[in-house]
Structure formats: C-alpha cells, structure tokens
C-alpha cells in the first residue's frame, strides 16, 4: 500500500492548525503536507514534527495573494523578483522542516496575455528554482490543476507538464500528479501515471465529484492503490481532500487501505 500523508490544510479542520499534527499521528499518518507553512515560525512546526514523529513531505512555494484569488506567480513577467524571493523563503522552511520537495503553483493566465510569453517566463523561473533547490538537495515539482475549480489555470494537463519539464531541461524538476485534478481534465489515470512514472515525484488524491475522501465518488481507489504498488511507486500520496462531514468520520478508506498493506 502507498505511504499516505495528511494534508493539514484540508484535513482536521475541526481544530486549530497546530493541533492537527497530533491528530494526524493519532489517525495513523506518518507523513504530513500543507499548502503554505509561512504563517507559522519554522522552529514551531519543526518541533511539532519531532514531537509526533512525522515527516513533512511537501509544501508549496509562495503563490502570491491567495486571499485575493492568486494561485501562483511563476508565469507572470512582472513578478520575477517576487518569485525568486519566494523560492528563497520556501527553502528556509524546507530546510528547517527537512522537507525534500517543494511544489510550484504556476498561476492563472491573465486576460489578453500572450501564452507564449507566459510559458517563456515560466521556463525561466523553473530553471532558476530547479537549480537553486538542487544546491539545497530539494526537488522542485509542478502540478497540473483542473480548470473547473481554478478557471484559467495555466498548467492543466499531464502532457503539458511533461513538455515543460523537458523544455526546462533540469533533472531536478518533477511532476506532482493529483488524481482528482487529472480525473476531471483527462481521465485514463493508470496508463498516464505509468507513462510518466519516471517524472512523477508526488501523488495527491481526492474523489470526484466533490473533492471528498476516497469512496465517495467515481474513482476506483482500491485498484489505483494496488496499481501504484505494482508499478513500483515508492513516494508519498498526499491526502488533499475536503472531508464530507468531519475528518475522522471519513477515515474508513484509510483504515481499509492500511489494513490491506
């Protein structure tokens, strides 16, 4: 069975964020991830990881003004310096938390922007980030996201992500494959994962429709878990879903999956 990491931004929302580390461990998780850790001091977060025996497996680079609707700045020509500052800040947190990989949300396409220019800016920023992260022994990831939840998101397909990885030309750039997002955009999950296996460094899950826990929608997660084992996936699977009721009431899928390991 894959190794599951609780996304503490989305799970255990019944309690304050800093209490979610203990809750994740109690629920049987060995790893955690979050969207953005920057609201909290890194030494505080590192202490909670140590206290509860947890591994921080992923967090995102700063992604602009999230509250205002921004979902990344890596494609924006006028935000290059801010992007680079964000890379440095993310590295500080990743090193403090012993986090081995950082995800880059690339951003929403501005109206009337030239997609070719945006892509060139993205390639430039990813080359910079991949090299700086390499020097700090941290992987850089990019994540395709569905355009139903985030209309206009620039990176929305696996083949598009693979082409960007190839054009960046760094062996320190990988794909974060979110099963929920890619079920919406393209389906054909298992063959796609296998085709891009060498470049997928992290997987996330939620069911569809609703983005709730596995077992609430159309995705055959028991099959996918067995499939990931069969093809030799050894990375983490981040549980980035919205509990349908509360987190613990929706954990039957996790109990069943870990019992089958």
C-alpha atoms as a PDB file:
ATOM      1  CA  UNK A   1       0.000   0.000   0.000  1.00  0.00           C
ATOM      2  CA  UNK A   2       1.288   3.535  -0.670  1.00  0.00           C
ATOM      3  CA  UNK A   3       2.542   5.802   2.080  1.00  0.00           C
ATOM      4  CA  UNK A   4      -0.197   8.331   2.894  1.00  0.00           C
ATOM      5  CA  UNK A   5       0.437  11.877   4.072  1.00  0.00           C
ATOM      6  CA  UNK A   6      -2.293  14.007   5.636  1.00  0.00           C
ATOM      7  CA  UNK A   7      -2.718  17.416   4.054  1.00  0.00           C
ATOM      8  CA  UNK A   8      -3.071  19.543   7.171  1.00  0.00           C
ATOM      9  CA  UNK A   9      -4.511  22.487   5.265  1.00  0.00           C
ATOM     10  CA  UNK A  10      -7.559  20.454   4.281  1.00  0.00           C
ATOM     11  CA  UNK A  11      -7.860  17.685   6.891  1.00  0.00           C
ATOM     12  CA  UNK A  12      -8.646  18.058  10.607  1.00  0.00           C
ATOM     13  CA  UNK A  13     -10.213  21.479  10.082  1.00  0.00           C
ATOM     14  CA  UNK A  14     -12.254  20.808  13.229  1.00  0.00           C
ATOM     15  CA  UNK A  15      -9.262  22.089  15.212  1.00  0.00           C
ATOM     16  CA  UNK A  16      -6.570  24.801  15.024  1.00  0.00           C
ATOM     17  CA  UNK A  17      -3.752  24.150  12.565  1.00  0.00           C
ATOM     18  CA  UNK A  18      -1.059  23.476  15.140  1.00  0.00           C
ATOM     19  CA  UNK A  19      -3.220  20.787  16.769  1.00  0.00           C
ATOM     20  CA  UNK A  20      -3.553  18.888  13.502  1.00  0.00           C
ATOM     21  CA  UNK A  21      -0.092  17.322  13.744  1.00  0.00           C
ATOM     22  CA  UNK A  22      -1.093  15.299  16.801  1.00  0.00           C
ATOM     23  CA  UNK A  23      -4.418  14.421  15.187  1.00  0.00           C
ATOM     24  CA  UNK A  24      -2.697  13.179  12.031  1.00  0.00           C
ATOM     25  CA  UNK A  25      -0.399  10.912  14.011  1.00  0.00           C
ATOM     26  CA  UNK A  26      -3.315   9.595  16.074  1.00  0.00           C
ATOM     27  CA  UNK A  27      -5.170   8.804  12.849  1.00  0.00           C
ATOM     28  CA  UNK A  28      -2.246   6.685  11.666  1.00  0.00           C
ATOM     29  CA  UNK A  29      -0.418   9.043   9.320  1.00  0.00           C
ATOM     30  CA  UNK A  30       3.393   9.071   9.277  1.00  0.00           C
ATOM     31  CA  UNK A  31       3.673  11.996   6.866  1.00  0.00           C
ATOM     32  CA  UNK A  32       2.066  15.414   6.510  1.00  0.00           C
ATOM     33  CA  UNK A  33       1.934  18.123   3.889  1.00  0.00           C
ATOM     34  CA  UNK A  34       0.360  21.556   3.694  1.00  0.00           C
ATOM     35  CA  UNK A  35      -0.264  24.260   1.149  1.00  0.00           C
ATOM     36  CA  UNK A  36       1.704  27.020   2.854  1.00  0.00           C
ATOM     37  CA  UNK A  37       3.527  26.886   6.204  1.00  0.00           C
ATOM     38  CA  UNK A  38       4.580  30.541   6.175  1.00  0.00           C
ATOM     39  CA  UNK A  39       2.085  31.800   8.753  1.00  0.00           C
ATOM     40  CA  UNK A  40       3.980  29.923  11.464  1.00  0.00           C
ATOM     41  CA  UNK A  41       7.561  30.043  12.682  1.00  0.00           C
ATOM     42  CA  UNK A  42       9.573  27.173  11.194  1.00  0.00           C
ATOM     43  CA  UNK A  43      11.008  26.155  14.576  1.00  0.00           C
ATOM     44  CA  UNK A  44       7.463  25.719  15.930  1.00  0.00           C
ATOM     45  CA  UNK A  45       6.473  23.478  13.038  1.00  0.00           C
ATOM     46  CA  UNK A  46       9.731  21.528  13.245  1.00  0.00           C
ATOM     47  CA  UNK A  47       9.110  20.928  16.945  1.00  0.00           C
ATOM     48  CA  UNK A  48       5.655  19.506  16.253  1.00  0.00           C
ATOM     49  CA  UNK A  49       7.042  17.193  13.580  1.00  0.00           C
ATOM     50  CA  UNK A  50       9.641  15.868  16.007  1.00  0.00           C
ATOM     51  CA  UNK A  51       7.185  15.578  18.882  1.00  0.00           C
ATOM     52  CA  UNK A  52       4.777  13.448  16.889  1.00  0.00           C
ATOM     53  CA  UNK A  53       7.264  11.505  14.775  1.00  0.00           C
ATOM     54  CA  UNK A  54       6.017  12.930  11.488  1.00  0.00           C
ATOM     55  CA  UNK A  55       7.716  13.608   8.155  1.00  0.00           C
ATOM     56  CA  UNK A  56       6.969  16.850   6.297  1.00  0.00           C
ATOM     57  CA  UNK A  57       6.764  15.531   2.743  1.00  0.00           C
ATOM     58  CA  UNK A  58       5.712  18.628   0.788  1.00  0.00           C
ATOM     59  CA  UNK A  59       4.669  22.241   0.826  1.00  0.00           C
ATOM     60  CA  UNK A  60       4.240  24.878  -1.875  1.00  0.00           C
ATOM     61  CA  UNK A  61       6.328  27.828  -2.905  1.00  0.00           C
ATOM     62  CA  UNK A  62       4.676  31.146  -2.000  1.00  0.00           C
ATOM     63  CA  UNK A  63       1.890  31.649  -4.545  1.00  0.00           C
ATOM     64  CA  UNK A  64       1.080  35.356  -4.394  1.00  0.00           C
ATOM     65  CA  UNK A  65      -2.001  36.798  -2.710  1.00  0.00           C
ATOM     66  CA  UNK A  66      -4.037  33.659  -2.057  1.00  0.00           C
ATOM     67  CA  UNK A  67      -6.875  35.509  -0.314  1.00  0.00           C
ATOM     68  CA  UNK A  68      -7.268  37.734  -3.367  1.00  0.00           C
ATOM     69  CA  UNK A  69      -7.531  34.731  -5.678  1.00  0.00           C
ATOM     70  CA  UNK A  70      -3.974  34.397  -6.916  1.00  0.00           C
ATOM     71  CA  UNK A  71      -2.850  30.816  -7.466  1.00  0.00           C
ATOM     72  CA  UNK A  72       0.822  31.226  -8.258  1.00  0.00           C
ATOM     73  CA  UNK A  73       3.040  33.825  -9.906  1.00  0.00           C
ATOM     74  CA  UNK A  74       5.575  31.768 -11.859  1.00  0.00           C
ATOM     75  CA  UNK A  75       4.112  32.730 -15.258  1.00  0.00           C
ATOM     76  CA  UNK A  76       3.862  36.474 -14.585  1.00  0.00           C
ATOM     77  CA  UNK A  77       6.589  38.606 -16.225  1.00  0.00           C
ATOM     78  CA  UNK A  78       6.274  41.454 -13.725  1.00  0.00           C
ATOM     79  CA  UNK A  79       6.620  39.144 -10.703  1.00  0.00           C
ATOM     80  CA  UNK A  80      10.016  37.564 -11.441  1.00  0.00           C
ATOM     81  CA  UNK A  81      11.794  39.100  -8.469  1.00  0.00           C
ATOM     82  CA  UNK A  82       8.928  38.179  -6.121  1.00  0.00           C
ATOM     83  CA  UNK A  83       9.066  34.605  -7.398  1.00  0.00           C
ATOM     84  CA  UNK A  84      12.783  34.371  -6.650  1.00  0.00           C
ATOM     85  CA  UNK A  85      12.297  35.812  -3.184  1.00  0.00           C
ATOM     86  CA  UNK A  86       9.607  33.194  -2.613  1.00  0.00           C
ATOM     87  CA  UNK A  87      11.968  30.418  -3.637  1.00  0.00           C
ATOM     88  CA  UNK A  88      14.460  31.536  -1.006  1.00  0.00           C
ATOM     89  CA  UNK A  89      11.780  31.723   1.674  1.00  0.00           C
ATOM     90  CA  UNK A  90      10.487  28.270   0.778  1.00  0.00           C
ATOM     91  CA  UNK A  91      13.996  26.834   1.029  1.00  0.00           C
ATOM     92  CA  UNK A  92      14.382  28.254   4.534  1.00  0.00           C
ATOM     93  CA  UNK A  93      11.222  26.447   5.635  1.00  0.00           C
ATOM     94  CA  UNK A  94      12.037  23.241   3.749  1.00  0.00           C
ATOM     95  CA  UNK A  95      15.458  23.010   5.380  1.00  0.00           C
ATOM     96  CA  UNK A  96      14.028  23.688   8.844  1.00  0.00           C
ATOM     97  CA  UNK A  97      11.342  21.021   8.333  1.00  0.00           C
ATOM     98  CA  UNK A  98      13.561  18.522   6.489  1.00  0.00           C
ATOM     99  CA  UNK A  99      11.079  18.700   3.622  1.00  0.00           C
ATOM    100  CA  UNK A 100      12.530  17.041   0.492  1.00  0.00           C
ATOM    101  CA  UNK A 101      10.335  18.639  -2.178  1.00  0.00           C
ATOM    102  CA  UNK A 102       8.546  21.894  -2.988  1.00  0.00           C
ATOM    103  CA  UNK A 103       5.619  22.354  -5.347  1.00  0.00           C
ATOM    104  CA  UNK A 104       5.296  25.363  -7.658  1.00  0.00           C
ATOM    105  CA  UNK A 105       1.763  26.503  -8.464  1.00  0.00           C
ATOM    106  CA  UNK A 106       2.322  28.269 -11.771  1.00  0.00           C
ATOM    107  CA  UNK A 107      -0.647  30.662 -11.795  1.00  0.00           C
ATOM    108  CA  UNK A 108      -3.755  31.781 -13.643  1.00  0.00           C
ATOM    109  CA  UNK A 109      -3.450  33.118 -17.180  1.00  0.00           C
ATOM    110  CA  UNK A 110      -4.159  36.876 -17.191  1.00  0.00           C
ATOM    111  CA  UNK A 111      -6.726  38.119 -19.703  1.00  0.00           C
ATOM    112  CA  UNK A 112      -5.215  39.140 -23.044  1.00  0.00           C
ATOM    113  CA  UNK A 113      -1.793  37.793 -22.078  1.00  0.00           C
ATOM    114  CA  UNK A 114       0.384  36.075 -24.657  1.00  0.00           C
ATOM    115  CA  UNK A 115       0.565  32.362 -23.700  1.00  0.00           C
ATOM    116  CA  UNK A 116       3.946  32.022 -25.402  1.00  0.00           C
ATOM    117  CA  UNK A 117       5.411  34.827 -23.303  1.00  0.00           C
ATOM    118  CA  UNK A 118       3.939  33.350 -20.127  1.00  0.00           C
ATOM    119  CA  UNK A 119       5.446  29.971 -20.968  1.00  0.00           C
ATOM    120  CA  UNK A 120       8.863  31.514 -21.561  1.00  0.00           C
ATOM    121  CA  UNK A 121       8.704  33.288 -18.200  1.00  0.00           C
ATOM    122  CA  UNK A 122       7.674  30.030 -16.562  1.00  0.00           C
ATOM    123  CA  UNK A 123      10.597  28.156 -18.115  1.00  0.00           C
ATOM    124  CA  UNK A 124      12.998  30.857 -16.937  1.00  0.00           C
ATOM    125  CA  UNK A 125      11.628  30.764 -13.394  1.00  0.00           C
ATOM    126  CA  UNK A 126      11.622  26.974 -13.228  1.00  0.00           C
ATOM    127  CA  UNK A 127      15.231  26.767 -14.442  1.00  0.00           C
ATOM    128  CA  UNK A 128      16.235  29.177 -11.705  1.00  0.00           C
ATOM    129  CA  UNK A 129      14.246  27.403  -8.979  1.00  0.00           C
ATOM    130  CA  UNK A 130      15.298  23.897 -10.013  1.00  0.00           C
ATOM    131  CA  UNK A 131      18.979  24.826  -9.842  1.00  0.00           C
ATOM    132  CA  UNK A 132      18.755  26.674  -6.523  1.00  0.00           C
ATOM    133  CA  UNK A 133      16.771  23.830  -4.991  1.00  0.00           C
ATOM    134  CA  UNK A 134      19.240  21.276  -6.335  1.00  0.00           C
ATOM    135  CA  UNK A 135      22.027  23.005  -4.394  1.00  0.00           C
ATOM    136  CA  UNK A 136      19.917  22.521  -1.266  1.00  0.00           C
ATOM    137  CA  UNK A 137      19.036  18.880  -2.080  1.00  0.00           C
ATOM    138  CA  UNK A 138      15.336  19.692  -2.592  1.00  0.00           C
ATOM    139  CA  UNK A 139      13.207  18.565  -5.545  1.00  0.00           C
ATOM    140  CA  UNK A 140      11.072  21.043  -7.496  1.00  0.00           C
ATOM    141  CA  UNK A 141       7.590  19.945  -8.609  1.00  0.00           C
ATOM    142  CA  UNK A 142       4.939  21.441 -10.873  1.00  0.00           C
ATOM    143  CA  UNK A 143       1.273  20.467 -10.632  1.00  0.00           C
ATOM    144  CA  UNK A 144      -1.374  20.400 -13.369  1.00  0.00           C
ATOM    145  CA  UNK A 145      -4.713  21.606 -11.934  1.00  0.00           C
ATOM    146  CA  UNK A 146      -8.210  21.349 -13.366  1.00  0.00           C
ATOM    147  CA  UNK A 147      -9.724  24.458 -14.910  1.00  0.00           C
ATOM    148  CA  UNK A 148     -13.161  23.824 -13.445  1.00  0.00           C
ATOM    149  CA  UNK A 149     -12.011  24.540  -9.909  1.00  0.00           C
ATOM    150  CA  UNK A 150      -9.475  27.171 -10.984  1.00  0.00           C
ATOM    151  CA  UNK A 151     -10.617  28.688 -14.301  1.00  0.00           C
ATOM    152  CA  UNK A 152      -7.719  29.819 -16.454  1.00  0.00           C
ATOM    153  CA  UNK A 153      -5.017  27.901 -14.586  1.00  0.00           C
ATOM    154  CA  UNK A 154      -2.084  27.839 -16.983  1.00  0.00           C
ATOM    155  CA  UNK A 155      -0.966  24.253 -16.368  1.00  0.00           C
ATOM    156  CA  UNK A 156      -3.863  21.843 -16.734  1.00  0.00           C
ATOM    157  CA  UNK A 157      -2.651  18.568 -18.236  1.00  0.00           C
ATOM    158  CA  UNK A 158      -0.057  15.879 -17.715  1.00  0.00           C
ATOM    159  CA  UNK A 159       1.353  16.023 -21.244  1.00  0.00           C
ATOM    160  CA  UNK A 160       1.666  19.807 -20.930  1.00  0.00           C
ATOM    161  CA  UNK A 161       3.572  19.376 -17.670  1.00  0.00           C
ATOM    162  CA  UNK A 162       5.850  16.751 -19.232  1.00  0.00           C
ATOM    163  CA  UNK A 163       6.616  19.094 -22.129  1.00  0.00           C
ATOM    164  CA  UNK A 164       7.513  21.889 -19.714  1.00  0.00           C
ATOM    165  CA  UNK A 165       9.773  19.551 -17.749  1.00  0.00           C
ATOM    166  CA  UNK A 166      11.509  18.553 -20.979  1.00  0.00           C
ATOM    167  CA  UNK A 167      11.963  22.160 -22.121  1.00  0.00           C
ATOM    168  CA  UNK A 168      13.322  23.292 -18.756  1.00  0.00           C
ATOM    169  CA  UNK A 169      15.959  20.613 -19.159  1.00  0.00           C
ATOM    170  CA  UNK A 170      16.658  20.029 -15.463  1.00  0.00           C
ATOM    171  CA  UNK A 171      16.827  16.624 -13.833  1.00  0.00           C
ATOM    172  CA  UNK A 172      15.622  18.319 -10.639  1.00  0.00           C
ATOM    173  CA  UNK A 173      12.146  19.171 -11.975  1.00  0.00           C
ATOM    174  CA  UNK A 174       9.304  16.689 -11.492  1.00  0.00           C
ATOM    175  CA  UNK A 175       5.525  16.371 -11.788  1.00  0.00           C
ATOM    176  CA  UNK A 176       3.115  16.386  -8.892  1.00  0.00           C
ATOM    177  CA  UNK A 177       0.244  14.228 -10.124  1.00  0.00           C
ATOM    178  CA  UNK A 178      -3.082  14.993  -8.467  1.00  0.00           C
ATOM    179  CA  UNK A 179      -5.510  12.179  -9.226  1.00  0.00           C
ATOM    180  CA  UNK A 180      -8.567  14.351  -8.587  1.00  0.00           C
ATOM    181  CA  UNK A 181      -7.477  17.160 -10.903  1.00  0.00           C
ATOM    182  CA  UNK A 182      -6.441  14.797 -13.676  1.00  0.00           C
ATOM    183  CA  UNK A 183      -9.588  12.695 -13.444  1.00  0.00           C
ATOM    184  CA  UNK A 184     -11.511  15.880 -14.274  1.00  0.00           C
ATOM    185  CA  UNK A 185      -9.195  17.027 -17.061  1.00  0.00           C
ATOM    186  CA  UNK A 186      -8.240  13.802 -18.836  1.00  0.00           C
ATOM    187  CA  UNK A 187      -9.095  10.561 -17.018  1.00  0.00           C
ATOM    188  CA  UNK A 188      -7.100   7.486 -18.115  1.00  0.00           C
ATOM    189  CA  UNK A 189      -5.360   7.648 -14.751  1.00  0.00           C
ATOM    190  CA  UNK A 190      -3.385   4.415 -14.526  1.00  0.00           C
ATOM    191  CA  UNK A 191      -1.839   4.481 -18.030  1.00  0.00           C
ATOM    192  CA  UNK A 192      -0.971   8.162 -17.630  1.00  0.00           C
ATOM    193  CA  UNK A 193       0.778   7.571 -14.312  1.00  0.00           C
ATOM    194  CA  UNK A 194       2.718   4.675 -15.827  1.00  0.00           C
ATOM    195  CA  UNK A 195       3.676   6.664 -18.931  1.00  0.00           C
ATOM    196  CA  UNK A 196       5.129   9.498 -16.844  1.00  0.00           C
ATOM    197  CA  UNK A 197       6.267   7.357 -13.931  1.00  0.00           C
ATOM    198  CA  UNK A 198       9.911   8.451 -14.083  1.00  0.00           C
ATOM    199  CA  UNK A 199       8.948  12.115 -13.660  1.00  0.00           C
ATOM    200  CA  UNK A 200       6.191  11.796 -11.043  1.00  0.00           C
ATOM    201  CA  UNK A 201       7.693  12.542  -7.632  1.00  0.00           C
ATOM    202  CA  UNK A 202       4.497  13.028  -5.633  1.00  0.00           C
ATOM    203  CA  UNK A 203       0.848  11.999  -5.944  1.00  0.00           C
ATOM    204  CA  UNK A 204      -2.220  13.535  -4.332  1.00  0.00           C
ATOM    205  CA  UNK A 205      -5.756  12.228  -4.044  1.00  0.00           C
ATOM    206  CA  UNK A 206      -9.392  13.164  -3.618  1.00  0.00           C
ATOM    207  CA  UNK A 207     -12.505  11.628  -5.119  1.00  0.00           C
ATOM    208  CA  UNK A 208     -14.651  13.115  -7.844  1.00  0.00           C
ATOM    209  CA  UNK A 209     -17.154  14.716  -7.847  1.00  0.00           C
ATOM    210  CA  UNK A 210     -16.947  16.786  -4.675  1.00  0.00           C
ATOM    211  CA  UNK A 211     -13.225  16.517  -3.875  1.00  0.00           C
ATOM    212  CA  UNK A 212     -14.118  14.433  -0.836  1.00  0.00           C
ATOM    213  CA  UNK A 213     -12.451  11.330   0.613  1.00  0.00           C
ATOM    214  CA  UNK A 214     -11.883   8.147  -1.440  1.00  0.00           C
ATOM    215  CA  UNK A 215     -15.005   6.036  -1.681  1.00  0.00           C
ATOM    216  CA  UNK A 216     -17.402   8.961  -2.102  1.00  0.00           C
ATOM    217  CA  UNK A 217     -17.174   9.260  -5.876  1.00  0.00           C
ATOM    218  CA  UNK A 218     -16.324   7.613  -9.177  1.00  0.00           C
ATOM    219  CA  UNK A 219     -12.602   6.882  -8.796  1.00  0.00           C
ATOM    220  CA  UNK A 220     -11.629   3.261  -8.099  1.00  0.00           C
ATOM    221  CA  UNK A 221      -9.072   3.921  -5.399  1.00  0.00           C
ATOM    222  CA  UNK A 222      -8.554   0.313  -4.227  1.00  0.00           C
ATOM    223  CA  UNK A 223      -7.483  -0.501  -7.784  1.00  0.00           C
ATOM    224  CA  UNK A 224      -5.206   2.546  -8.012  1.00  0.00           C
ATOM    225  CA  UNK A 225      -3.507   1.774  -4.703  1.00  0.00           C
ATOM    226  CA  UNK A 226      -2.762  -1.767  -5.885  1.00  0.00           C
ATOM    227  CA  UNK A 227      -1.618  -0.407  -9.229  1.00  0.00           C
ATOM    228  CA  UNK A 228       0.823   2.037  -7.648  1.00  0.00           C
ATOM    229  CA  UNK A 229       2.324  -0.841  -5.700  1.00  0.00           C
ATOM    230  CA  UNK A 230       2.527  -2.975  -8.827  1.00  0.00           C
ATOM    231  CA  UNK A 231       4.419  -0.379 -10.875  1.00  0.00           C
ATOM    232  CA  UNK A 232       6.814   0.332  -8.019  1.00  0.00           C
ATOM    233  CA  UNK A 233       5.723   3.757  -6.808  1.00  0.00           C
ATOM    234  CA  UNK A 234       7.556   4.411  -3.538  1.00  0.00           C
ATOM    235  CA  UNK A 235       6.747   8.082  -2.991  1.00  0.00           C
ATOM    236  CA  UNK A 236       4.100   9.606  -0.772  1.00  0.00           C
ATOM    237  CA  UNK A 237       0.414  10.028  -1.600  1.00  0.00           C
ATOM    238  CA  UNK A 238      -0.899  13.280  -0.170  1.00  0.00           C
ATOM    239  CA  UNK A 239      -4.498  13.222   1.070  1.00  0.00           C
ATOM    240  CA  UNK A 240      -5.644  16.606  -0.203  1.00  0.00           C
ATOM    241  CA  UNK A 241      -9.399  16.279   0.058  1.00  0.00           C
ATOM    242  CA  UNK A 242     -12.310  18.006   1.764  1.00  0.00           C
ATOM    243  CA  UNK A 243     -13.868  15.668   4.351  1.00  0.00           C
ATOM    244  CA  UNK A 244     -17.533  15.178   3.519  1.00  0.00           C
ATOM    245  CA  UNK A 245     -18.545  15.507   7.185  1.00  0.00           C
ATOM    246  CA  UNK A 246     -15.590  15.586   9.555  1.00  0.00           C
ATOM    247  CA  UNK A 247     -12.133  14.133   9.096  1.00  0.00           C
ATOM    248  CA  UNK A 248     -12.333  11.091  11.378  1.00  0.00           C
ATOM    249  CA  UNK A 249     -15.804  10.038  10.214  1.00  0.00           C
ATOM    250  CA  UNK A 250     -14.412   9.907   6.684  1.00  0.00           C
ATOM    251  CA  UNK A 251     -11.336   7.802   7.502  1.00  0.00           C
ATOM    252  CA  UNK A 252     -12.816   4.376   6.722  1.00  0.00           C
ATOM    253  CA  UNK A 253     -10.993   4.344   3.393  1.00  0.00           C
ATOM    254  CA  UNK A 254      -7.648   4.886   5.175  1.00  0.00           C
ATOM    255  CA  UNK A 255      -8.310   2.164   7.726  1.00  0.00           C
ATOM    256  CA  UNK A 256      -9.175  -0.274   4.942  1.00  0.00           C
ATOM    257  CA  UNK A 257      -6.172   0.686   2.833  1.00  0.00           C
ATOM    258  CA  UNK A 258      -3.646   0.383   5.624  1.00  0.00           C
ATOM    259  CA  UNK A 259      -5.192  -2.894   6.809  1.00  0.00           C
ATOM    260  CA  UNK A 260      -4.686  -4.300   3.311  1.00  0.00           C
ATOM    261  CA  UNK A 261      -0.975  -3.433   3.309  1.00  0.00           C
END
